Amino acid sequence: MVARLSSECRELIDQQRGIVARWQISACASDRYAADGLLRQGRWQALYRGVYATYTGRPSRTGMLWAGVRRCGPEAALSHFSAAELDRIADEPSDAIHVRIPETVRIRFSRSEFSGGLPRIFLHRSSRITSARHPARTPPRTRVEETVLDLTDVARSFDTAFSWLSTACGRRLVTPDQLRTAARSRARMRWRGDVLEALDEIVEGVLSNLERHFLRNVERPHGLPRPRRQARRRRGSRSMYLDNAYEQFGLDVELDGLASHQAETRWQDIHRDNYLAGTGTITLRYNWADVTRRPCQVAAEIALVLRSRGWTGTLRACPQCGQGVS
């Protein structure tokens, strides 16, 4: 029966991981008849309305993404969490399939389409679908910079939005300049000013929310000198990166997230601190609570070490300090 399919149809099915939509084969009568026969015989299975898997087993995750986007027509593109999943911006798949479609397209889903446990499809309408869609990647999806800005738009907090920005840039999936260009092309954008400011901070080397809060709560308001962020150091044949290196004063300030609580990571940090001490560098370590709840105390401790090593600057009082810090 497969031989009855045209070569063009078989090639299309191969490209789409065994998924095909009826609108893709509607122009060829012989392919339509072949598809109907294969469905009746149980050799193909219907997924969403008008979308088929050309096998009987459970579709792969990629196969389901193909099915979701093909259900929404030829102009559709995976977006938001689904595009982020494909481009390694997100580490975990979303429960639903997110698809961007043109504003003028109307799609109605029946309840029966999702009754068999298929992922729900969330539609995002856009007037910029042509420019936002990646020209080559498959399954069809939005460009990385568009995906990241889509995710910032739906983030529950700006901390979450910043995580999307920093993750995509930190993994070298997109550049801050590409994100700025994409932001300028949007007539409406949530947190526009904050996003553009955050991109400047990412260029400076701020790659996590903890590092961002250190910059905004500890460093800037108290007038501490600007460190070199993500400073590369050699340790034998390997490289290590220091969060905030005050190289002139032999001080490194490390910011420890949740991962640092793991025993193996903690000992790695201790061994690295011991190595740096042998080179004359002191290491101070702070966690989320330190930076967000005790920023003035943290600033005072850093200033004390800096002064002992030659810093002649003045530690400023921020609004939270009250009478200032000494």
Foldseek 3Di string as FASTA:
>chain_A
DVVQADPVVVVVCVVQVQKDFQVVCVVPPSNVVVVVVCVVVQQWDDQFVRMIRNHNDDDDPSNLLSRLQVLQPDLKAWAAQQVCCVLVLDPDHDQATEIEDEPPDDDDGDPVNPPVPRHHYHYDYDNCSVVQWDPDDPPIHGQLLRRLQVNLQPDPDVLRSLLSVLSCVVVVVDALVVNLVVLVVDPDGPPSVVSNVSNVVVVQAQRHPLSVLLVVQAPPQFPHDAFRAQDWDDDDPDIDTAGGHPPLQQETEEEDEPVCPDPVNVVVVVVVQVVSVVVVHHYHYDYSCCSPPVNQVVNLVVVVSSVVRPDPDGTAAGPVNVVHDD
